[in-house]
Amino acid sequence: MIIGICGGSGSGKTTLLKRLAAFYGELQPTIFSMDNYYLPIDQQLVDENGEVNFDLPTALDKERLINDLKDLKDGKSIEVKEYHFNAPPNKNVLITLDPSPIIIVEGLFLFQYQEVNNLLDFSIFMDVDPMVQLDRRLYRDQETRGYSREAILYQWNNHVAPCYEQYLAPYMHLSDFVFKNDQNSDLEFERLIQVLTPKLLCLKE
């Protein structure tokens, strides 16, 4: 079963992914992050001010991503370089992903890449207040990536927010489950588990 998690920057995709992987740990879910398929910076598009825009569907190696996901679905192991922000390409660690009864895919363009969407058995869309997302982005990029507040706000206003409106938001209604990641996130997680578990129980039969 392939479960997809989509949502904007700071929406909580990775946190939900980890909670699901832990909850269904006995099935040893395979974690497939679309972030691992970012193209080198010299192949990224730039905006009118010459700033690299990582928030476009063209930012990822779409063909390799789709082929790898298909291989996992077909029961084959794959090798992929684990993406780390600001790390030189030759410093990214090569990891092996083995197939399992559950594959959890997370990324921005889950629905935008129709070939990926077609492979999903269940899709989740993270719905979060944009100001909460921005606060998380500001904290993360200042604390762990060394960005200035001005640079983060530039990216948010010119890349991140437009990306969400154009490439993510229009697909929310197509998801199987809209996860409202607010102060009631624990209740939302319980609601999600109630929907998912009957489907996953079939894998054990």
N, C-alpha and C. Protein backbone atom coordinates (compact mmCIF):
# COMPACT_ATOMS: atom_id res chain seq x y z
N MET A 1 0.85 -1.19 0.00
CA MET A 1 0.00 0.00 0.00
C MET A 1 0.89 1.23 0.00
N ILE A 2 0.62 2.17 -0.89
CA ILE A 2 1.38 3.41 -0.96
C ILE A 2 0.52 4.54 -0.42
N ILE A 3 1.03 5.18 0.64
CA ILE A 3 0.36 6.30 1.29
C ILE A 3 1.12 7.58 0.95
N GLY A 4 0.44 8.58 0.48
CA GLY A 4 1.08 9.84 0.13
C GLY A 4 0.71 10.95 1.09
N ILE A 5 1.69 11.77 1.46
CA ILE A 5 1.46 12.93 2.32
C ILE A 5 1.91 14.18 1.59
N CYS A 6 0.99 15.10 1.38
CA CYS A 6 1.29 16.34 0.66
C CYS A 6 0.95 17.53 1.55
N GLY A 7 1.69 18.61 1.38
CA GLY A 7 1.41 19.82 2.13
C GLY A 7 2.51 20.83 1.89
N GLY A 8 2.23 22.08 2.19
CA GLY A 8 3.20 23.13 1.98
C GLY A 8 4.36 23.08 2.96
N SER A 9 5.30 23.97 2.77
CA SER A 9 6.45 24.08 3.67
C SER A 9 5.99 24.38 5.08
N GLY A 10 6.47 23.60 6.07
CA GLY A 10 6.10 23.82 7.45
C GLY A 10 4.72 23.32 7.83
N SER A 11 4.14 22.49 6.99
CA SER A 11 2.78 21.98 7.27
C SER A 11 2.78 20.78 8.20
N GLY A 12 3.94 20.16 8.39
CA GLY A 12 4.01 19.00 9.29
C GLY A 12 4.05 17.66 8.59
N LYS A 13 4.43 17.65 7.32
CA LYS A 13 4.49 16.39 6.57
C LYS A 13 5.42 15.38 7.23
N THR A 14 6.62 15.83 7.56
CA THR A 14 7.62 14.92 8.12
C THR A 14 7.21 14.42 9.50
N THR A 15 6.61 15.29 10.30
CA THR A 15 6.15 14.87 11.62
C THR A 15 5.07 13.80 11.51
N LEU A 16 4.11 13.99 10.62
CA LEU A 16 3.06 12.99 10.45
C LEU A 16 3.64 11.69 9.91
N LEU A 17 4.56 11.80 8.98
CA LEU A 17 5.21 10.62 8.42
C LEU A 17 5.85 9.78 9.53
N LYS A 18 6.57 10.45 10.42
CA LYS A 18 7.24 9.74 11.52
C LYS A 18 6.23 9.11 12.47
N ARG A 19 5.13 9.79 12.72
CA ARG A 19 4.10 9.23 13.61
C ARG A 19 3.46 7.98 12.99
N LEU A 20 3.19 8.05 11.70
CA LEU A 20 2.62 6.89 11.03
C LEU A 20 3.60 5.72 11.00
N ALA A 21 4.87 6.03 10.70
CA ALA A 21 5.89 4.98 10.63
C ALA A 21 6.05 4.30 11.99
N ALA A 22 5.96 5.08 13.07
CA ALA A 22 6.08 4.51 14.42
C ALA A 22 4.84 3.70 14.78
N PHE A 23 3.67 4.23 14.45
CA PHE A 23 2.42 3.55 14.81
C PHE A 23 2.31 2.20 14.11
N TYR A 24 2.73 2.15 12.85
CA TYR A 24 2.66 0.90 12.08
C TYR A 24 4.04 0.26 11.96
N GLY A 25 4.83 0.43 13.00
CA GLY A 25 6.21 -0.04 12.97
C GLY A 25 6.39 -1.50 12.68
N GLU A 26 5.44 -2.34 13.10
CA GLU A 26 5.59 -3.78 12.88
C GLU A 26 5.56 -4.14 11.40
N LEU A 27 5.03 -3.23 10.58
CA LEU A 27 5.02 -3.47 9.13
C LEU A 27 6.24 -2.88 8.45
N GLN A 28 7.11 -2.24 9.25
CA GLN A 28 8.37 -1.67 8.75
C GLN A 28 8.17 -0.82 7.48
N PRO A 29 7.42 0.26 7.61
CA PRO A 29 7.14 1.10 6.43
C PRO A 29 8.42 1.63 5.78
N THR A 30 8.38 1.72 4.47
CA THR A 30 9.46 2.34 3.71
C THR A 30 9.14 3.82 3.55
N ILE A 31 10.11 4.69 3.88
CA ILE A 31 9.90 6.13 3.80
C ILE A 31 10.53 6.65 2.51
N PHE A 32 9.72 7.25 1.67
CA PHE A 32 10.16 7.76 0.37
C PHE A 32 9.96 9.27 0.36
N SER A 33 11.05 10.01 0.48
CA SER A 33 10.98 11.48 0.50
C SER A 33 11.30 12.05 -0.88
N MET A 34 10.39 12.86 -1.38
CA MET A 34 10.61 13.49 -2.68
C MET A 34 11.75 14.51 -2.61
N ASP A 35 12.10 14.96 -1.40
CA ASP A 35 13.22 15.91 -1.25
C ASP A 35 14.54 15.32 -1.75
N ASN A 36 14.65 14.00 -1.72
CA ASN A 36 15.89 13.35 -2.15
C ASN A 36 16.12 13.43 -3.66
N TYR A 37 15.19 14.04 -4.36
CA TYR A 37 15.29 14.09 -5.82
C TYR A 37 15.49 15.51 -6.36
N TYR A 38 15.92 16.43 -5.48
CA TYR A 38 16.23 17.77 -5.95
C TYR A 38 17.41 17.73 -6.93
N LEU A 39 17.26 18.45 -8.02
CA LEU A 39 18.35 18.56 -9.00
C LEU A 39 19.45 19.46 -8.43
N PRO A 40 20.68 19.34 -8.94
CA PRO A 40 21.77 20.23 -8.50
C PRO A 40 21.39 21.69 -8.71
N ILE A 41 21.99 22.56 -7.92
CA ILE A 41 21.61 23.97 -7.94
C ILE A 41 21.83 24.61 -9.30
N ASP A 42 22.82 24.12 -10.05
CA ASP A 42 23.08 24.72 -11.37
C ASP A 42 22.03 24.33 -12.40
N GLN A 43 21.11 23.43 -12.04
CA GLN A 43 20.02 23.05 -12.94
C GLN A 43 18.68 23.62 -12.49
N GLN A 44 18.71 24.46 -11.45
CA GLN A 44 17.48 25.05 -10.94
C GLN A 44 17.16 26.36 -11.67
N LEU A 45 15.87 26.66 -11.78
CA LEU A 45 15.44 27.92 -12.38
C LEU A 45 15.60 29.07 -11.39
N VAL A 46 15.82 30.26 -11.93
CA VAL A 46 15.94 31.44 -11.08
C VAL A 46 14.80 32.41 -11.41
N ASP A 47 14.46 33.25 -10.44
CA ASP A 47 13.41 34.24 -10.67
C ASP A 47 13.97 35.50 -11.32
N GLU A 48 13.13 36.51 -11.44
CA GLU A 48 13.53 37.73 -12.15
C GLU A 48 14.65 38.49 -11.43
N ASN A 49 14.89 38.15 -10.18
CA ASN A 49 15.97 38.78 -9.42
C ASN A 49 17.22 37.90 -9.32
N GLY A 50 17.20 36.80 -10.07
CA GLY A 50 18.35 35.91 -10.07
C GLY A 50 18.42 34.96 -8.89
N GLU A 51 17.34 34.88 -8.11
CA GLU A 51 17.30 33.99 -6.94
C GLU A 51 16.78 32.61 -7.35
N VAL A 52 17.46 31.57 -6.89
CA VAL A 52 17.05 30.20 -7.21
C VAL A 52 15.69 29.91 -6.60
N ASN A 53 14.81 29.31 -7.40
CA ASN A 53 13.47 28.96 -6.93
C ASN A 53 13.37 27.44 -6.82
N PHE A 54 13.43 26.94 -5.57
CA PHE A 54 13.34 25.51 -5.33
C PHE A 54 11.89 25.03 -5.23
N ASP A 55 10.94 25.95 -5.36
CA ASP A 55 9.53 25.62 -5.13
C ASP A 55 8.75 25.50 -6.43
N LEU A 56 9.37 24.87 -7.40
CA LEU A 56 8.72 24.61 -8.69
C LEU A 56 8.77 23.12 -8.98
N PRO A 57 7.80 22.58 -9.71
CA PRO A 57 7.83 21.16 -10.05
C PRO A 57 9.09 20.77 -10.83
N THR A 58 9.71 21.73 -11.51
CA THR A 58 10.92 21.46 -12.28
C THR A 58 12.15 21.31 -11.39
N ALA A 59 12.01 21.56 -10.08
CA ALA A 59 13.17 21.50 -9.17
C ALA A 59 13.62 20.08 -8.90
N LEU A 60 12.77 19.10 -9.18
CA LEU A 60 13.08 17.71 -8.87
C LEU A 60 13.36 16.91 -10.14
N ASP A 61 14.12 15.84 -9.97
CA ASP A 61 14.36 14.90 -11.07
C ASP A 61 13.14 13.98 -11.14
N LYS A 62 12.13 14.47 -11.83
CA LYS A 62 10.83 13.81 -11.86
C LYS A 62 10.92 12.39 -12.43
N GLU A 63 11.66 12.21 -13.52
CA GLU A 63 11.73 10.90 -14.16
C GLU A 63 12.35 9.85 -13.24
N ARG A 64 13.45 10.22 -12.59
CA ARG A 64 14.11 9.27 -11.70
C ARG A 64 13.23 8.97 -10.49
N LEU A 65 12.57 10.00 -9.97
CA LEU A 65 11.67 9.83 -8.83
C LEU A 65 10.57 8.82 -9.15
N ILE A 66 9.94 9.00 -10.28
CA ILE A 66 8.83 8.12 -10.67
C ILE A 66 9.33 6.70 -10.90
N ASN A 67 10.46 6.56 -11.57
CA ASN A 67 10.99 5.22 -11.83
C ASN A 67 11.34 4.49 -10.54
N ASP A 68 11.94 5.23 -9.58
CA ASP A 68 12.30 4.61 -8.30
C ASP A 68 11.06 4.18 -7.53
N LEU A 69 10.04 5.02 -7.53
CA LEU A 69 8.81 4.67 -6.80
C LEU A 69 8.14 3.45 -7.43
N LYS A 70 8.16 3.39 -8.75
CA LYS A 70 7.60 2.21 -9.43
C LYS A 70 8.38 0.95 -9.07
N ASP A 71 9.70 1.07 -8.99
CA ASP A 71 10.52 -0.10 -8.63
C ASP A 71 10.17 -0.57 -7.22
N LEU A 72 10.02 0.37 -6.28
CA LEU A 72 9.64 -0.02 -4.92
C LEU A 72 8.29 -0.72 -4.92
N LYS A 73 7.35 -0.18 -5.66
CA LYS A 73 6.02 -0.79 -5.74
C LYS A 73 6.10 -2.20 -6.32
N ASP A 74 7.06 -2.41 -7.23
CA ASP A 74 7.22 -3.73 -7.85
C ASP A 74 8.07 -4.68 -7.01
N GLY A 75 8.43 -4.25 -5.80
CA GLY A 75 9.17 -5.12 -4.91
C GLY A 75 10.67 -5.09 -5.06
N LYS A 76 11.20 -4.04 -5.70
CA LYS A 76 12.64 -3.94 -5.91
C LYS A 76 13.23 -2.91 -4.93
N SER A 77 14.45 -3.15 -4.48
CA SER A 77 15.17 -2.17 -3.67
C SER A 77 15.74 -1.09 -4.57
N ILE A 78 15.88 0.11 -4.03
CA ILE A 78 16.45 1.22 -4.79
C ILE A 78 17.55 1.89 -3.97
N GLU A 79 18.42 2.63 -4.65
CA GLU A 79 19.43 3.43 -3.99
C GLU A 79 19.20 4.89 -4.35
N VAL A 80 19.28 5.77 -3.36
CA VAL A 80 19.05 7.18 -3.59
C VAL A 80 19.95 7.99 -2.66
N LYS A 81 20.40 9.15 -3.13
CA LYS A 81 21.20 10.02 -2.28
C LYS A 81 20.28 10.81 -1.37
N GLU A 82 20.53 10.69 -0.08
CA GLU A 82 19.72 11.39 0.91
C GLU A 82 20.05 12.88 0.89
N TYR A 83 19.05 13.69 0.63
CA TYR A 83 19.26 15.13 0.46
C TYR A 83 19.45 15.84 1.79
N HIS A 84 20.49 16.66 1.87
CA HIS A 84 20.71 17.52 3.02
C HIS A 84 20.94 18.93 2.51
N PHE A 85 20.18 19.88 3.03
CA PHE A 85 20.26 21.27 2.55
C PHE A 85 21.68 21.80 2.66
N ASN A 86 22.12 22.46 1.60
CA ASN A 86 23.43 23.11 1.53
C ASN A 86 24.61 22.14 1.49
N ALA A 87 24.35 20.83 1.45
CA ALA A 87 25.46 19.88 1.36
C ALA A 87 25.88 19.73 -0.09
N PRO A 88 27.20 19.70 -0.36
CA PRO A 88 27.66 19.45 -1.73
C PRO A 88 27.13 18.11 -2.22
N PRO A 89 26.83 17.98 -3.53
CA PRO A 89 26.28 16.73 -4.05
C PRO A 89 27.09 15.49 -3.67
N ASN A 90 28.43 15.63 -3.63
CA ASN A 90 29.26 14.46 -3.32
C ASN A 90 29.29 14.13 -1.83
N LYS A 91 28.62 14.95 -1.01
CA LYS A 91 28.57 14.69 0.42
C LYS A 91 27.25 14.06 0.86
N ASN A 92 26.27 14.03 -0.03
CA ASN A 92 25.01 13.41 0.31
C ASN A 92 25.17 11.90 0.39
N VAL A 93 24.62 11.29 1.43
CA VAL A 93 24.82 9.88 1.70
C VAL A 93 23.92 9.02 0.82
N LEU A 94 24.49 7.97 0.25
CA LEU A 94 23.72 7.03 -0.57
C LEU A 94 23.02 6.04 0.35
N ILE A 95 21.71 5.97 0.27
CA ILE A 95 20.94 5.06 1.12
C ILE A 95 20.17 4.06 0.26
N THR A 96 19.90 2.91 0.85
CA THR A 96 19.12 1.87 0.18
C THR A 96 17.74 1.81 0.79
N LEU A 97 16.72 1.85 -0.05
CA LEU A 97 15.34 1.70 0.39
C LEU A 97 14.83 0.35 -0.08
N ASP A 98 14.38 -0.45 0.87
CA ASP A 98 13.84 -1.77 0.54
C ASP A 98 12.32 -1.71 0.51
N PRO A 99 11.69 -2.50 -0.33
CA PRO A 99 10.22 -2.51 -0.39
C PRO A 99 9.63 -3.08 0.89
N SER A 100 8.42 -2.69 1.21
CA SER A 100 7.73 -3.20 2.38
C SER A 100 6.22 -3.14 2.11
N PRO A 101 5.41 -3.71 3.01
CA PRO A 101 3.96 -3.67 2.80
C PRO A 101 3.39 -2.25 2.73
N ILE A 102 4.10 -1.30 3.39
CA ILE A 102 3.66 0.10 3.36
C ILE A 102 4.80 0.97 2.85
N ILE A 103 4.50 1.79 1.86
CA ILE A 103 5.45 2.81 1.39
C ILE A 103 4.79 4.15 1.65
N ILE A 104 5.46 5.00 2.43
CA ILE A 104 4.94 6.34 2.73
C ILE A 104 5.73 7.36 1.92
N VAL A 105 5.04 8.06 1.04
CA VAL A 105 5.66 9.06 0.17
C VAL A 105 5.29 10.44 0.66
N GLU A 106 6.28 11.33 0.83
CA GLU A 106 5.95 12.69 1.24
C GLU A 106 6.67 13.69 0.35
N GLY A 107 5.95 14.78 0.03
CA GLY A 107 6.56 15.80 -0.81
C GLY A 107 5.56 16.84 -1.27
N LEU A 108 6.09 17.90 -1.85
CA LEU A 108 5.25 19.01 -2.32
C LEU A 108 4.37 18.63 -3.50
N PHE A 109 4.94 17.87 -4.44
CA PHE A 109 4.29 17.71 -5.74
C PHE A 109 3.63 16.34 -5.92
N LEU A 110 3.09 15.85 -4.82
CA LEU A 110 2.44 14.54 -4.80
C LEU A 110 1.32 14.46 -5.83
N PHE A 111 0.54 15.54 -5.96
CA PHE A 111 -0.58 15.56 -6.88
C PHE A 111 -0.20 16.19 -8.22
N GLN A 112 0.76 17.09 -8.19
CA GLN A 112 1.19 17.75 -9.42
C GLN A 112 1.81 16.75 -10.38
N TYR A 113 2.54 15.77 -9.85
CA TYR A 113 3.11 14.71 -10.68
C TYR A 113 2.05 13.62 -10.82
N GLN A 114 1.34 13.64 -11.91
CA GLN A 114 0.22 12.73 -12.08
C GLN A 114 0.64 11.28 -12.00
N GLU A 115 1.85 10.98 -12.49
CA GLU A 115 2.33 9.59 -12.45
C GLU A 115 2.50 9.10 -11.02
N VAL A 116 2.90 10.00 -10.12
CA VAL A 116 3.00 9.64 -8.70
C VAL A 116 1.62 9.48 -8.10
N ASN A 117 0.75 10.41 -8.39
CA ASN A 117 -0.61 10.36 -7.88
C ASN A 117 -1.31 9.05 -8.28
N ASN A 118 -1.03 8.59 -9.49
CA ASN A 118 -1.65 7.36 -9.97
C ASN A 118 -1.19 6.12 -9.19
N LEU A 119 -0.02 6.21 -8.57
CA LEU A 119 0.52 5.07 -7.83
C LEU A 119 0.00 5.00 -6.40
N LEU A 120 -0.62 6.09 -5.92
CA LEU A 120 -1.06 6.14 -4.52
C LEU A 120 -2.32 5.31 -4.28
N ASP A 121 -2.34 4.65 -3.12
CA ASP A 121 -3.54 3.96 -2.67
C ASP A 121 -4.34 4.81 -1.69
N PHE A 122 -3.65 5.75 -1.04
CA PHE A 122 -4.31 6.63 -0.07
C PHE A 122 -3.51 7.92 0.03
N SER A 123 -4.19 9.06 -0.02
CA SER A 123 -3.49 10.34 0.00
C SER A 123 -3.97 11.22 1.16
N ILE A 124 -3.02 11.95 1.75
CA ILE A 124 -3.29 12.84 2.88
C ILE A 124 -2.80 14.24 2.52
N PHE A 125 -3.63 15.23 2.77
CA PHE A 125 -3.25 16.62 2.52
C PHE A 125 -3.19 17.35 3.85
N MET A 126 -2.03 17.98 4.14
CA MET A 126 -1.85 18.70 5.39
C MET A 126 -2.41 20.11 5.25
N ASP A 127 -3.39 20.43 6.08
CA ASP A 127 -4.04 21.74 6.04
C ASP A 127 -3.65 22.51 7.30
N VAL A 128 -2.91 23.61 7.13
CA VAL A 128 -2.38 24.37 8.27
C VAL A 128 -2.56 25.86 8.01
N ASP A 129 -2.75 26.62 9.06
CA ASP A 129 -2.82 28.08 8.96
C ASP A 129 -1.50 28.58 8.36
N PRO A 130 -1.56 29.39 7.29
CA PRO A 130 -0.33 29.87 6.64
C PRO A 130 0.62 30.60 7.58
N MET A 131 0.09 31.32 8.57
CA MET A 131 0.96 32.03 9.50
C MET A 131 1.74 31.07 10.40
N VAL A 132 1.12 29.93 10.70
CA VAL A 132 1.82 28.89 11.48
C VAL A 132 2.94 28.31 10.63
N GLN A 133 2.64 28.07 9.37
CA GLN A 133 3.67 27.56 8.46
C GLN A 133 4.84 28.53 8.35
N LEU A 134 4.53 29.81 8.21
CA LEU A 134 5.59 30.81 8.09
C LEU A 134 6.45 30.86 9.35
N ASP A 135 5.81 30.81 10.51
CA ASP A 135 6.56 30.83 11.77
C ASP A 135 7.52 29.64 11.84
N ARG A 136 7.05 28.47 11.43
CA ARG A 136 7.89 27.28 11.45
C ARG A 136 9.05 27.43 10.46
N ARG A 137 8.75 27.99 9.30
CA ARG A 137 9.78 28.19 8.29
C ARG A 137 10.84 29.17 8.79
N LEU A 138 10.41 30.25 9.42
CA LEU A 138 11.34 31.23 9.96
C LEU A 138 12.26 30.60 11.00
N TYR A 139 11.68 29.82 11.89
CA TYR A 139 12.48 29.19 12.94
C TYR A 139 13.46 28.19 12.33
N ARG A 140 12.97 27.32 11.45
CA ARG A 140 13.83 26.28 10.87
C ARG A 140 14.97 26.87 10.06
N ASP A 141 14.66 27.79 9.18
CA ASP A 141 15.69 28.29 8.26
C ASP A 141 16.70 29.22 8.93
N GLN A 142 16.29 29.86 10.02
CA GLN A 142 17.25 30.67 10.76
C GLN A 142 18.13 29.81 11.66
N GLU A 143 17.52 28.80 12.30
CA GLU A 143 18.24 27.99 13.27
C GLU A 143 19.12 26.93 12.62
N THR A 144 18.63 26.30 11.55
CA THR A 144 19.36 25.16 10.99
C THR A 144 19.99 25.42 9.64
N ARG A 145 19.57 26.48 8.94
CA ARG A 145 20.09 26.72 7.60
C ARG A 145 20.84 28.04 7.47
N GLY A 146 20.82 28.84 8.52
CA GLY A 146 21.61 30.07 8.53
C GLY A 146 21.08 31.18 7.65
N TYR A 147 19.80 31.11 7.27
CA TYR A 147 19.21 32.17 6.45
C TYR A 147 18.87 33.38 7.33
N SER A 148 18.93 34.55 6.73
CA SER A 148 18.46 35.75 7.42
C SER A 148 16.93 35.80 7.33
N ARG A 149 16.34 36.57 8.24
CA ARG A 149 14.89 36.73 8.22
C ARG A 149 14.43 37.32 6.89
N GLU A 150 15.19 38.28 6.37
CA GLU A 150 14.82 38.93 5.11
C GLU A 150 14.82 37.93 3.95
N ALA A 151 15.82 37.07 3.91
CA ALA A 151 15.91 36.08 2.83
C ALA A 151 14.76 35.09 2.92
N ILE A 152 14.40 34.69 4.13
CA ILE A 152 13.30 33.74 4.32
C ILE A 152 11.98 34.35 3.87
N LEU A 153 11.76 35.61 4.25
CA LEU A 153 10.51 36.28 3.85
C LEU A 153 10.45 36.48 2.34
N TYR A 154 11.61 36.74 1.72
CA TYR A 154 11.64 36.88 0.26
C TYR A 154 11.21 35.56 -0.38
N GLN A 155 11.80 34.45 0.07
CA GLN A 155 11.45 33.14 -0.49
C GLN A 155 9.97 32.84 -0.26
N TRP A 156 9.50 33.16 0.94
CA TRP A 156 8.10 32.87 1.26
C TRP A 156 7.15 33.62 0.33
N ASN A 157 7.38 34.90 0.18
CA ASN A 157 6.46 35.73 -0.60
C ASN A 157 6.57 35.51 -2.10
N ASN A 158 7.76 35.17 -2.57
CA ASN A 158 7.98 35.07 -4.01
C ASN A 158 8.02 33.64 -4.54
N HIS A 159 8.29 32.67 -3.68
CA HIS A 159 8.41 31.29 -4.13
C HIS A 159 7.45 30.35 -3.41
N VAL A 160 7.53 30.32 -2.09
CA VAL A 160 6.80 29.32 -1.31
C VAL A 160 5.29 29.51 -1.40
N ALA A 161 4.81 30.71 -1.08
CA ALA A 161 3.36 30.95 -1.10
C ALA A 161 2.77 30.81 -2.51
N PRO A 162 3.39 31.38 -3.55
CA PRO A 162 2.85 31.18 -4.91
C PRO A 162 2.86 29.70 -5.32
N CYS A 163 3.89 28.97 -4.91
CA CYS A 163 3.95 27.54 -5.22
C CYS A 163 2.76 26.81 -4.61
N TYR A 164 2.47 27.14 -3.35
CA TYR A 164 1.35 26.47 -2.67
C TYR A 164 0.04 26.75 -3.38
N GLU A 165 -0.19 28.00 -3.73
CA GLU A 165 -1.45 28.38 -4.36
C GLU A 165 -1.61 27.75 -5.74
N GLN A 166 -0.52 27.60 -6.47
CA GLN A 166 -0.61 27.10 -7.85
C GLN A 166 -0.52 25.59 -7.95
N TYR A 167 0.36 24.98 -7.15
CA TYR A 167 0.68 23.56 -7.35
C TYR A 167 0.16 22.62 -6.27
N LEU A 168 -0.33 23.18 -5.15
CA LEU A 168 -0.80 22.31 -4.07
C LEU A 168 -2.27 22.53 -3.75
N ALA A 169 -2.64 23.75 -3.39
CA ALA A 169 -3.99 24.03 -2.93
C ALA A 169 -5.10 23.53 -3.84
N PRO A 170 -4.95 23.63 -5.18
CA PRO A 170 -6.03 23.16 -6.05
C PRO A 170 -6.33 21.67 -5.93
N TYR A 171 -5.40 20.91 -5.33
CA TYR A 171 -5.57 19.46 -5.26
C TYR A 171 -6.08 18.98 -3.90
N MET A 172 -6.27 19.90 -2.96
CA MET A 172 -6.67 19.49 -1.61
C MET A 172 -7.93 18.62 -1.64
N HIS A 173 -8.91 19.04 -2.43
CA HIS A 173 -10.18 18.31 -2.45
C HIS A 173 -10.08 16.93 -3.09
N LEU A 174 -8.95 16.66 -3.75
CA LEU A 174 -8.78 15.35 -4.37
C LEU A 174 -8.16 14.32 -3.42
N SER A 175 -7.71 14.78 -2.26
CA SER A 175 -7.06 13.87 -1.32
C SER A 175 -8.10 12.99 -0.62
N ASP A 176 -7.64 11.85 -0.13
CA ASP A 176 -8.54 10.95 0.60
C ASP A 176 -8.78 11.42 2.03
N PHE A 177 -7.85 12.22 2.56
CA PHE A 177 -7.97 12.66 3.94
C PHE A 177 -7.30 14.03 4.08
N VAL A 178 -8.04 15.01 4.58
CA VAL A 178 -7.46 16.33 4.87
C VAL A 178 -7.14 16.37 6.36
N PHE A 179 -5.84 16.48 6.65
CA PHE A 179 -5.37 16.48 8.04
C PHE A 179 -5.22 17.92 8.50
N LYS A 180 -6.10 18.35 9.41
CA LYS A 180 -6.04 19.72 9.93
C LYS A 180 -5.02 19.76 11.06
N ASN A 181 -3.84 20.25 10.73
CA ASN A 181 -2.73 20.21 11.68
C ASN A 181 -2.71 21.46 12.55
N ASP A 182 -3.63 21.47 13.53
CA ASP A 182 -3.73 22.60 14.44
C ASP A 182 -3.61 22.11 15.88
N GLN A 183 -4.22 22.80 16.82
CA GLN A 183 -4.13 22.41 18.23
C GLN A 183 -4.82 21.08 18.50
N ASN A 184 -5.62 20.61 17.56
CA ASN A 184 -6.31 19.32 17.72
C ASN A 184 -5.66 18.22 16.89
N SER A 185 -4.36 18.35 16.63
CA SER A 185 -3.68 17.40 15.75
C SER A 185 -3.69 15.97 16.29
N ASP A 186 -3.70 15.82 17.62
CA ASP A 186 -3.73 14.46 18.19
C ASP A 186 -5.07 13.78 17.87
N LEU A 187 -6.14 14.55 17.93
CA LEU A 187 -7.45 14.00 17.58
C LEU A 187 -7.51 13.68 16.08
N GLU A 188 -6.90 14.54 15.28
CA GLU A 188 -6.85 14.30 13.84
C GLU A 188 -6.08 13.01 13.54
N PHE A 189 -4.99 12.81 14.28
CA PHE A 189 -4.19 11.59 14.07
C PHE A 189 -5.03 10.36 14.41
N GLU A 190 -5.77 10.42 15.49
CA GLU A 190 -6.64 9.29 15.86
C GLU A 190 -7.69 9.04 14.78
N ARG A 191 -8.23 10.12 14.24
CA ARG A 191 -9.23 9.98 13.17
C ARG A 191 -8.62 9.35 11.94
N LEU A 192 -7.39 9.75 11.62
CA LEU A 192 -6.69 9.17 10.47
C LEU A 192 -6.44 7.69 10.68
N ILE A 193 -6.00 7.33 11.87
CA ILE A 193 -5.72 5.92 12.17
C ILE A 193 -6.98 5.07 12.03
N GLN A 194 -8.11 5.63 12.44
CA GLN A 194 -9.37 4.91 12.33
C GLN A 194 -9.73 4.62 10.87
N VAL A 195 -9.31 5.52 9.99
CA VAL A 195 -9.58 5.33 8.56
C VAL A 195 -8.56 4.36 7.94
N LEU A 196 -7.29 4.52 8.32
CA LEU A 196 -6.22 3.75 7.70
C LEU A 196 -6.15 2.29 8.16
N THR A 197 -6.35 2.06 9.45
CA THR A 197 -6.11 0.72 10.00
C THR A 197 -6.92 -0.37 9.33
N PRO A 198 -8.22 -0.18 9.08
CA PRO A 198 -8.96 -1.24 8.37
C PRO A 198 -8.37 -1.56 7.00
N LYS A 199 -7.85 -0.54 6.33
CA LYS A 199 -7.24 -0.78 5.02
C LYS A 199 -5.94 -1.56 5.16
N LEU A 200 -5.17 -1.25 6.21
CA LEU A 200 -3.87 -1.91 6.39
C LEU A 200 -4.03 -3.32 6.94
N LEU A 201 -5.10 -3.58 7.65
CA LEU A 201 -5.33 -4.92 8.18
C LEU A 201 -5.42 -5.94 7.06
N CYS A 202 -5.88 -5.48 5.92
CA CYS A 202 -5.98 -6.37 4.76
C CYS A 202 -4.61 -6.88 4.33
N LEU A 203 -3.56 -6.12 4.64
CA LEU A 203 -2.21 -6.53 4.24
C LEU A 203 -1.74 -7.74 5.01
N LYS A 204 -2.31 -7.95 6.22
CA LYS A 204 -1.88 -9.06 7.06
C LYS A 204 -2.61 -10.35 6.72
N GLU A 205 -3.70 -10.23 5.99
CA GLU A 205 -4.54 -11.41 5.70
C GLU A 205 -4.01 -12.18 4.51
